[in-house]
């Protein structure tokens, strides 16, 4: 089976909302990092149809040839691992939905109150690290970006 070819897509979402943000760009030579994730997107989908915009991003940027997901191979744990650089057992999101045995609290992707509860999110996401360096960041529906105290400059809550 061919390896996933969409990691450049995974490297695109974090800054994809910059185009819709209303801030002034101080220098036309400013560098941008865009991280795009297409969850459940087969490796060969871009070859099945024309994707000129994705092709352009891959051509002028970086495109990974493969991806090794964290265990468990679930959306929330892996997306937050990409944001923090930590494995799920180190950042706390060990599944899309789970019961915390120490507190009896339930986390779930379908429970908005827990998705925004900082208790469940360990580690420092890349947008917070960048903000500390004075870099403007943005996120559009990225897991953990709508957590109280962990927002990027511009963000849309995950829904």
N, C-alpha and C. Protein backbone atom coordinates (compact mmCIF):
# COMPACT_ATOMS: atom_id res chain seq x y z
N UNK A 1 0.83 -1.18 0.00
CA UNK A 1 0.00 0.00 0.00
C UNK A 1 0.88 1.24 0.00
N UNK A 2 0.52 2.19 -0.81
CA UNK A 2 1.32 3.40 -0.89
C UNK A 2 1.20 4.19 0.41
N UNK A 3 2.24 4.91 0.70
CA UNK A 3 2.27 5.70 1.93
C UNK A 3 1.43 6.96 1.77
N UNK A 4 0.99 7.49 2.90
CA UNK A 4 0.23 8.74 2.87
C UNK A 4 1.08 9.84 2.26
N UNK A 5 0.46 10.63 1.44
CA UNK A 5 1.20 11.71 0.80
C UNK A 5 0.66 13.07 1.22
N UNK A 6 -0.17 13.11 2.23
CA UNK A 6 -0.83 14.36 2.55
C UNK A 6 -0.29 15.07 3.78
N UNK A 7 0.86 14.69 4.29
CA UNK A 7 1.36 15.41 5.45
C UNK A 7 1.60 16.88 5.14
N UNK A 8 1.89 17.25 3.87
CA UNK A 8 2.00 18.69 3.65
C UNK A 8 0.65 19.32 3.94
N UNK A 9 -0.37 18.57 3.70
CA UNK A 9 -1.69 19.07 4.02
C UNK A 9 -1.79 19.25 5.52
N UNK A 10 -1.18 18.35 6.26
CA UNK A 10 -1.22 18.44 7.71
C UNK A 10 -0.39 19.63 8.17
N UNK A 11 0.55 20.05 7.35
CA UNK A 11 1.39 21.19 7.71
C UNK A 11 0.76 22.47 7.20
N UNK A 12 -0.53 22.48 6.95
CA UNK A 12 -1.14 23.64 6.34
C UNK A 12 -2.25 24.31 7.15
N UNK A 13 -2.97 23.61 8.00
CA UNK A 13 -4.15 24.16 8.66
C UNK A 13 -3.87 25.29 9.63
N UNK A 14 -2.81 25.21 10.35
CA UNK A 14 -2.56 26.18 11.41
C UNK A 14 -2.63 27.61 10.93
N UNK A 15 -2.15 27.86 9.72
CA UNK A 15 -2.14 29.23 9.23
C UNK A 15 -3.12 29.47 8.10
N UNK A 16 -3.96 28.49 7.79
CA UNK A 16 -4.86 28.64 6.65
C UNK A 16 -5.82 29.80 6.84
N UNK A 17 -6.13 30.10 8.07
CA UNK A 17 -7.05 31.20 8.32
C UNK A 17 -6.39 32.56 8.20
N UNK A 18 -5.06 32.62 8.01
CA UNK A 18 -4.39 33.91 7.86
C UNK A 18 -4.97 34.71 6.70
N UNK A 19 -5.34 34.03 5.64
CA UNK A 19 -5.88 34.73 4.49
C UNK A 19 -7.18 35.45 4.80
N UNK A 20 -7.91 34.98 5.79
CA UNK A 20 -9.17 35.62 6.14
C UNK A 20 -9.04 36.54 7.33
N UNK A 21 -7.86 36.65 7.90
CA UNK A 21 -7.63 37.52 9.05
C UNK A 21 -7.46 38.95 8.58
N UNK A 22 -7.89 39.88 9.42
CA UNK A 22 -7.83 41.28 9.04
C UNK A 22 -6.66 41.99 9.69
N UNK A 23 -5.46 41.49 9.52
CA UNK A 23 -4.28 42.18 10.05
C UNK A 23 -3.40 42.64 8.90
N UNK A 24 -2.61 43.66 9.16
CA UNK A 24 -1.70 44.18 8.16
C UNK A 24 -0.45 43.31 8.10
N UNK A 25 -0.01 43.00 6.93
CA UNK A 25 1.25 42.28 6.77
C UNK A 25 2.33 43.34 6.62
N UNK A 26 3.32 43.29 7.49
CA UNK A 26 4.34 44.34 7.51
C UNK A 26 5.38 44.19 6.41
N UNK A 27 5.57 43.01 5.92
CA UNK A 27 6.62 42.77 4.95
C UNK A 27 6.17 41.69 3.99
N UNK A 28 6.24 41.97 2.70
CA UNK A 28 5.80 40.97 1.73
C UNK A 28 6.68 39.73 1.73
N UNK A 29 7.84 39.80 2.40
CA UNK A 29 8.73 38.64 2.48
C UNK A 29 8.52 37.83 3.75
N UNK A 30 7.50 38.18 4.54
CA UNK A 30 7.22 37.41 5.76
C UNK A 30 6.99 35.95 5.39
N UNK A 31 7.45 35.06 6.24
CA UNK A 31 7.28 33.62 6.02
C UNK A 31 6.04 33.15 6.77
N UNK A 32 5.37 32.18 6.20
CA UNK A 32 4.18 31.62 6.81
C UNK A 32 4.31 30.11 6.92
N UNK A 33 3.74 29.57 7.96
CA UNK A 33 3.62 28.13 8.10
C UNK A 33 2.13 27.82 8.04
N UNK A 34 1.76 26.97 7.13
CA UNK A 34 0.36 26.57 6.98
C UNK A 34 0.30 25.07 7.19
N UNK A 35 -0.54 24.65 8.12
CA UNK A 35 -0.68 23.22 8.39
C UNK A 35 -2.13 22.83 8.11
N UNK A 36 -2.30 21.90 7.20
CA UNK A 36 -3.63 21.47 6.78
C UNK A 36 -3.79 20.00 7.10
N UNK A 37 -4.89 19.65 7.72
CA UNK A 37 -5.17 18.25 8.00
C UNK A 37 -6.50 17.88 7.36
N UNK A 38 -6.49 16.79 6.63
CA UNK A 38 -7.70 16.28 6.02
C UNK A 38 -7.97 14.91 6.61
N UNK A 39 -8.67 14.90 7.69
CA UNK A 39 -8.92 13.68 8.44
C UNK A 39 -9.75 12.70 7.62
N UNK A 40 -9.30 11.47 7.55
CA UNK A 40 -10.01 10.44 6.80
C UNK A 40 -9.83 10.57 5.30
N UNK A 41 -8.87 11.33 4.87
CA UNK A 41 -8.61 11.61 3.46
C UNK A 41 -7.62 10.58 2.94
N UNK A 42 -8.05 9.73 2.02
CA UNK A 42 -7.14 8.70 1.48
C UNK A 42 -5.95 9.32 0.79
N UNK A 43 -4.84 8.60 0.81
CA UNK A 43 -3.59 9.09 0.24
C UNK A 43 -3.69 9.41 -1.25
N UNK A 44 -4.57 8.71 -1.98
CA UNK A 44 -4.62 8.89 -3.43
C UNK A 44 -5.72 9.85 -3.89
N UNK A 45 -6.47 10.45 -2.99
CA UNK A 45 -7.54 11.37 -3.42
C UNK A 45 -7.03 12.52 -4.29
N UNK A 46 -5.92 13.17 -3.96
CA UNK A 46 -5.47 14.29 -4.81
C UNK A 46 -5.13 13.87 -6.23
N UNK A 47 -4.76 12.61 -6.44
CA UNK A 47 -4.44 12.14 -7.78
C UNK A 47 -5.70 11.76 -8.56
N UNK A 48 -6.80 11.58 -7.88
CA UNK A 48 -8.05 11.17 -8.54
C UNK A 48 -8.77 12.35 -9.19
N UNK A 49 -8.57 13.53 -8.66
CA UNK A 49 -9.21 14.74 -9.20
C UNK A 49 -8.16 15.84 -9.26
N UNK A 50 -8.48 16.90 -9.99
CA UNK A 50 -7.56 18.03 -10.06
C UNK A 50 -7.65 18.82 -8.76
N UNK A 51 -6.50 19.08 -8.18
CA UNK A 51 -6.42 19.86 -6.94
C UNK A 51 -5.34 20.93 -7.12
N UNK A 52 -5.60 21.93 -7.96
CA UNK A 52 -4.56 22.90 -8.28
C UNK A 52 -4.04 23.67 -7.06
N UNK A 53 -4.90 23.99 -6.13
CA UNK A 53 -4.44 24.74 -4.96
C UNK A 53 -3.58 23.89 -4.05
N UNK A 54 -3.99 22.66 -3.81
CA UNK A 54 -3.16 21.76 -3.00
C UNK A 54 -1.84 21.47 -3.71
N UNK A 55 -1.91 21.30 -5.03
CA UNK A 55 -0.69 21.04 -5.80
C UNK A 55 0.28 22.22 -5.68
N UNK A 56 -0.24 23.43 -5.72
CA UNK A 56 0.61 24.62 -5.62
C UNK A 56 1.25 24.70 -4.23
N UNK A 57 0.46 24.45 -3.20
CA UNK A 57 1.01 24.46 -1.84
C UNK A 57 2.13 23.44 -1.72
N UNK A 58 1.91 22.25 -2.24
CA UNK A 58 2.93 21.20 -2.18
C UNK A 58 4.18 21.58 -2.97
N UNK A 59 3.98 22.26 -4.10
CA UNK A 59 5.11 22.62 -4.96
C UNK A 59 5.98 23.70 -4.33
N UNK A 60 5.37 24.70 -3.70
CA UNK A 60 6.16 25.81 -3.14
C UNK A 60 6.53 25.58 -1.68
N UNK A 61 5.99 24.53 -1.08
CA UNK A 61 6.26 24.26 0.32
C UNK A 61 6.92 22.93 0.54
N UNK A 62 6.51 22.29 1.58
CA UNK A 62 7.06 20.99 1.97
C UNK A 62 5.94 19.97 1.90
N UNK A 63 6.28 18.80 1.42
CA UNK A 63 5.29 17.73 1.34
C UNK A 63 5.93 16.44 1.83
N UNK A 64 5.33 15.85 2.83
CA UNK A 64 5.86 14.61 3.39
C UNK A 64 5.41 13.44 2.53
N UNK A 65 6.21 12.42 2.48
CA UNK A 65 5.88 11.22 1.72
C UNK A 65 5.10 10.20 2.54
N UNK A 66 5.15 10.33 3.85
CA UNK A 66 4.44 9.36 4.68
C UNK A 66 4.13 9.97 6.05
N UNK A 67 3.35 9.24 6.81
CA UNK A 67 2.96 9.67 8.15
C UNK A 67 2.84 8.45 9.04
N UNK A 68 3.41 8.53 10.22
CA UNK A 68 3.24 7.47 11.21
C UNK A 68 2.38 8.05 12.32
N UNK A 69 1.13 7.63 12.41
CA UNK A 69 0.25 8.19 13.44
C UNK A 69 0.62 7.70 14.83
N UNK A 70 0.18 8.47 15.81
CA UNK A 70 0.33 8.05 17.21
C UNK A 70 -0.71 6.99 17.50
N UNK A 71 -0.50 6.28 18.60
CA UNK A 71 -1.51 5.34 19.06
C UNK A 71 -2.25 6.00 20.20
N UNK A 72 -3.57 6.00 20.19
CA UNK A 72 -4.46 5.37 19.21
C UNK A 72 -4.59 6.24 17.97
N UNK A 73 -4.90 5.61 16.86
CA UNK A 73 -5.02 6.34 15.61
C UNK A 73 -6.40 6.98 15.50
N UNK A 74 -6.64 7.91 16.39
CA UNK A 74 -7.90 8.65 16.44
C UNK A 74 -7.62 10.12 16.13
N UNK A 75 -8.64 10.84 15.69
CA UNK A 75 -8.50 12.23 15.28
C UNK A 75 -7.94 13.13 16.36
N UNK A 76 -8.62 13.24 17.49
CA UNK A 76 -8.21 14.21 18.50
C UNK A 76 -6.83 13.94 19.07
N UNK A 77 -6.51 12.70 19.48
CA UNK A 77 -5.17 12.47 20.00
C UNK A 77 -4.07 12.81 18.99
N UNK A 78 -4.26 12.45 17.73
CA UNK A 78 -3.23 12.70 16.73
C UNK A 78 -3.11 14.17 16.35
N UNK A 79 -4.23 14.86 16.25
CA UNK A 79 -4.16 16.28 15.92
C UNK A 79 -3.52 17.08 17.06
N UNK A 80 -3.81 16.71 18.29
CA UNK A 80 -3.18 17.43 19.40
C UNK A 80 -1.71 17.03 19.52
N UNK A 81 -1.36 15.82 19.13
CA UNK A 81 0.06 15.42 19.09
C UNK A 81 0.81 16.26 18.05
N UNK A 82 0.18 16.51 16.90
CA UNK A 82 0.82 17.36 15.90
C UNK A 82 1.02 18.78 16.43
N UNK A 83 0.08 19.26 17.23
CA UNK A 83 0.17 20.62 17.77
C UNK A 83 1.20 20.74 18.88
N UNK A 84 1.37 19.69 19.68
CA UNK A 84 2.25 19.77 20.85
C UNK A 84 3.59 19.06 20.67
N UNK A 85 3.64 18.09 19.76
CA UNK A 85 4.85 17.28 19.62
C UNK A 85 4.93 16.19 20.67
N UNK A 86 3.85 15.97 21.40
CA UNK A 86 3.82 14.96 22.47
C UNK A 86 2.94 13.79 22.07
N UNK A 87 3.25 12.63 22.63
CA UNK A 87 2.38 11.47 22.45
C UNK A 87 1.12 11.66 23.29
N UNK A 88 0.01 11.00 22.90
CA UNK A 88 -1.24 11.15 23.63
C UNK A 88 -1.13 10.92 25.14
N UNK A 89 -0.35 9.92 25.57
CA UNK A 89 -0.27 9.67 27.01
C UNK A 89 0.50 10.77 27.74
N UNK A 90 1.14 11.68 27.00
CA UNK A 90 1.85 12.79 27.63
C UNK A 90 1.06 14.10 27.56
N UNK A 91 0.19 14.26 26.56
CA UNK A 91 -0.62 15.49 26.51
C UNK A 91 -2.03 15.29 27.05
N UNK A 92 -2.47 14.07 27.23
CA UNK A 92 -3.74 13.83 27.90
C UNK A 92 -4.91 13.39 27.05
N UNK A 93 -4.92 13.72 25.77
CA UNK A 93 -6.03 13.28 24.91
C UNK A 93 -5.71 11.88 24.40
N UNK A 94 -6.19 10.90 25.11
CA UNK A 94 -5.85 9.51 24.80
C UNK A 94 -6.87 8.83 23.88
N UNK A 95 -7.93 9.52 23.56
CA UNK A 95 -8.97 8.98 22.67
C UNK A 95 -9.88 10.13 22.29
N UNK A 96 -10.77 9.92 21.35
CA UNK A 96 -11.76 10.95 21.01
C UNK A 96 -12.76 11.15 22.14
N UNK A 97 -13.03 10.10 22.88
CA UNK A 97 -13.91 10.14 24.05
C UNK A 97 -13.35 9.18 25.08
N UNK A 98 -13.31 9.61 26.35
CA UNK A 98 -12.77 8.74 27.39
C UNK A 98 -13.20 9.21 28.77
N UNK A 99 -13.09 8.32 29.72
CA UNK A 99 -13.37 8.61 31.12
C UNK A 99 -12.03 8.75 31.84
N UNK A 100 -11.85 9.85 32.56
CA UNK A 100 -10.64 10.03 33.37
C UNK A 100 -10.84 9.26 34.66
N UNK A 101 -10.10 8.17 34.87
CA UNK A 101 -10.32 7.33 36.05
C UNK A 101 -9.99 8.03 37.37
N UNK A 102 -9.11 9.03 37.33
CA UNK A 102 -8.75 9.73 38.56
C UNK A 102 -9.84 10.66 39.05
N UNK A 103 -10.56 11.28 38.13
CA UNK A 103 -11.58 12.26 38.52
C UNK A 103 -13.01 11.81 38.23
N UNK A 104 -13.15 10.79 37.39
CA UNK A 104 -14.49 10.35 36.99
C UNK A 104 -15.11 11.25 35.94
N UNK A 105 -14.33 12.21 35.42
CA UNK A 105 -14.83 13.13 34.40
C UNK A 105 -14.72 12.49 33.02
N UNK A 106 -15.68 12.82 32.16
CA UNK A 106 -15.71 12.29 30.80
C UNK A 106 -15.32 13.38 29.81
N UNK A 107 -14.43 13.02 28.89
CA UNK A 107 -14.07 13.90 27.78
C UNK A 107 -14.70 13.32 26.53
N UNK A 108 -15.23 14.17 25.68
CA UNK A 108 -15.80 13.66 24.44
C UNK A 108 -15.84 14.71 23.35
N UNK A 109 -15.60 14.28 22.12
CA UNK A 109 -15.63 15.22 21.01
C UNK A 109 -17.04 15.78 20.81
N UNK A 110 -18.04 15.07 21.27
CA UNK A 110 -19.41 15.55 21.16
C UNK A 110 -19.88 16.34 22.37
N UNK A 111 -18.97 16.62 23.30
CA UNK A 111 -19.32 17.36 24.51
C UNK A 111 -18.55 18.68 24.50
N UNK A 112 -19.17 19.77 23.99
CA UNK A 112 -18.45 21.04 23.86
C UNK A 112 -17.80 21.53 25.15
N UNK A 113 -18.43 21.30 26.28
CA UNK A 113 -17.88 21.77 27.56
C UNK A 113 -16.52 21.13 27.85
N UNK A 114 -16.35 19.86 27.50
CA UNK A 114 -15.07 19.21 27.78
C UNK A 114 -14.04 19.53 26.71
N UNK A 115 -14.49 19.80 25.49
CA UNK A 115 -13.53 20.16 24.42
C UNK A 115 -12.80 21.44 24.76
N UNK A 116 -13.42 22.33 25.51
CA UNK A 116 -12.80 23.60 25.87
C UNK A 116 -12.23 23.63 27.27
N UNK A 117 -12.22 22.50 27.95
CA UNK A 117 -11.75 22.42 29.34
C UNK A 117 -10.25 22.17 29.38
N UNK A 118 -9.51 23.14 29.88
CA UNK A 118 -8.04 23.06 29.91
C UNK A 118 -7.53 21.86 30.70
N UNK A 119 -8.33 21.32 31.59
CA UNK A 119 -7.93 20.18 32.41
C UNK A 119 -7.44 19.01 31.55
N UNK A 120 -8.09 18.80 30.42
CA UNK A 120 -7.79 17.64 29.58
C UNK A 120 -6.60 17.84 28.64
N UNK A 121 -6.08 19.05 28.53
CA UNK A 121 -5.04 19.36 27.54
C UNK A 121 -3.71 19.67 28.21
N UNK A 122 -2.75 18.77 28.07
CA UNK A 122 -1.41 19.02 28.58
C UNK A 122 -0.50 19.46 27.44
N UNK A 123 0.68 19.89 27.79
CA UNK A 123 1.63 20.31 26.77
C UNK A 123 1.33 21.70 26.25
N UNK A 124 2.24 22.20 25.46
CA UNK A 124 2.08 23.54 24.88
C UNK A 124 1.93 23.42 23.37
N UNK A 125 0.77 23.81 22.84
CA UNK A 125 0.58 23.74 21.39
C UNK A 125 1.49 24.75 20.66
N UNK A 126 1.79 24.45 19.42
CA UNK A 126 2.71 25.26 18.63
C UNK A 126 2.26 26.72 18.52
N UNK A 127 0.96 26.98 18.49
CA UNK A 127 0.51 28.36 18.36
C UNK A 127 0.82 29.17 19.63
N UNK A 128 0.83 28.53 20.79
CA UNK A 128 1.20 29.23 22.02
C UNK A 128 2.70 29.51 22.02
N UNK A 129 3.49 28.53 21.62
CA UNK A 129 4.94 28.73 21.52
C UNK A 129 5.25 29.88 20.56
N UNK A 130 4.57 29.92 19.42
CA UNK A 130 4.78 30.99 18.44
C UNK A 130 4.34 32.34 19.00
N UNK A 131 3.19 32.37 19.69
CA UNK A 131 2.70 33.62 20.29
C UNK A 131 3.72 34.18 21.28
N UNK A 132 4.35 33.31 22.04
CA UNK A 132 5.37 33.74 23.01
C UNK A 132 6.57 34.39 22.31
N UNK A 133 6.76 34.07 21.03
CA UNK A 133 7.85 34.64 20.24
C UNK A 133 7.39 35.87 19.44
N UNK A 134 6.15 36.32 19.70
CA UNK A 134 5.63 37.49 19.01
C UNK A 134 5.08 37.22 17.63
N UNK A 135 4.81 35.97 17.32
CA UNK A 135 4.29 35.59 16.00
C UNK A 135 2.77 35.53 16.06
N UNK A 136 2.13 36.11 15.06
CA UNK A 136 0.67 36.06 14.96
C UNK A 136 0.29 34.67 14.47
N UNK A 137 -0.67 34.04 15.16
CA UNK A 137 -1.08 32.69 14.79
C UNK A 137 -2.58 32.64 14.53
N UNK A 138 -3.00 31.61 13.84
CA UNK A 138 -4.41 31.42 13.57
C UNK A 138 -4.73 29.95 13.46
N UNK A 139 -5.96 29.60 13.78
CA UNK A 139 -6.40 28.22 13.69
C UNK A 139 -7.85 28.18 13.28
N UNK A 140 -8.17 27.24 12.46
CA UNK A 140 -9.54 27.07 11.99
C UNK A 140 -9.97 25.64 12.28
N UNK A 141 -10.73 25.46 13.35
CA UNK A 141 -11.25 24.14 13.76
C UNK A 141 -10.16 23.15 14.13
N UNK A 142 -9.08 23.60 14.75
CA UNK A 142 -8.02 22.68 15.17
C UNK A 142 -8.25 22.28 16.61
N UNK A 143 -8.14 21.01 16.89
CA UNK A 143 -8.33 20.47 18.24
C UNK A 143 -7.42 21.19 19.23
N UNK A 144 -8.00 21.71 20.30
CA UNK A 144 -7.24 22.37 21.35
C UNK A 144 -7.09 23.86 21.18
N UNK A 145 -7.40 24.40 20.01
CA UNK A 145 -7.22 25.84 19.81
C UNK A 145 -8.34 26.66 20.44
N UNK A 146 -9.42 26.01 20.85
CA UNK A 146 -10.51 26.74 21.50
C UNK A 146 -10.54 26.50 23.01
N UNK A 147 -9.44 26.00 23.56
CA UNK A 147 -9.34 25.75 25.00
C UNK A 147 -9.04 27.06 25.71
N UNK A 148 -9.74 27.32 26.80
CA UNK A 148 -9.53 28.54 27.56
C UNK A 148 -8.06 28.70 27.92
N UNK A 149 -7.50 29.85 27.56
CA UNK A 149 -6.10 30.14 27.86
C UNK A 149 -5.12 29.61 26.84
N UNK A 150 -5.58 28.89 25.84
CA UNK A 150 -4.67 28.33 24.83
C UNK A 150 -5.02 28.79 23.41
N UNK A 151 -5.72 29.92 23.30
CA UNK A 151 -6.15 30.39 21.98
C UNK A 151 -5.01 31.01 21.18
N UNK A 152 -4.99 30.76 19.87
CA UNK A 152 -4.10 31.53 19.01
C UNK A 152 -4.67 32.94 18.82
N UNK A 153 -3.98 33.79 18.08
CA UNK A 153 -4.46 35.15 17.84
C UNK A 153 -5.85 35.12 17.19
N UNK A 154 -5.98 34.34 16.17
CA UNK A 154 -7.25 34.19 15.45
C UNK A 154 -7.64 32.73 15.49
N UNK A 155 -8.90 32.46 15.79
CA UNK A 155 -9.32 31.06 15.88
C UNK A 155 -10.82 30.93 15.71
N UNK A 156 -11.21 29.76 15.30
CA UNK A 156 -12.62 29.38 15.22
C UNK A 156 -12.76 28.12 16.07
N UNK A 157 -13.79 28.05 16.89
CA UNK A 157 -13.95 26.86 17.73
C UNK A 157 -14.21 25.61 16.89
N UNK A 158 -13.67 24.51 17.36
CA UNK A 158 -13.90 23.23 16.70
C UNK A 158 -15.37 22.89 16.87
N UNK A 159 -16.03 22.48 15.80
CA UNK A 159 -17.42 22.05 15.92
C UNK A 159 -17.65 20.80 15.13
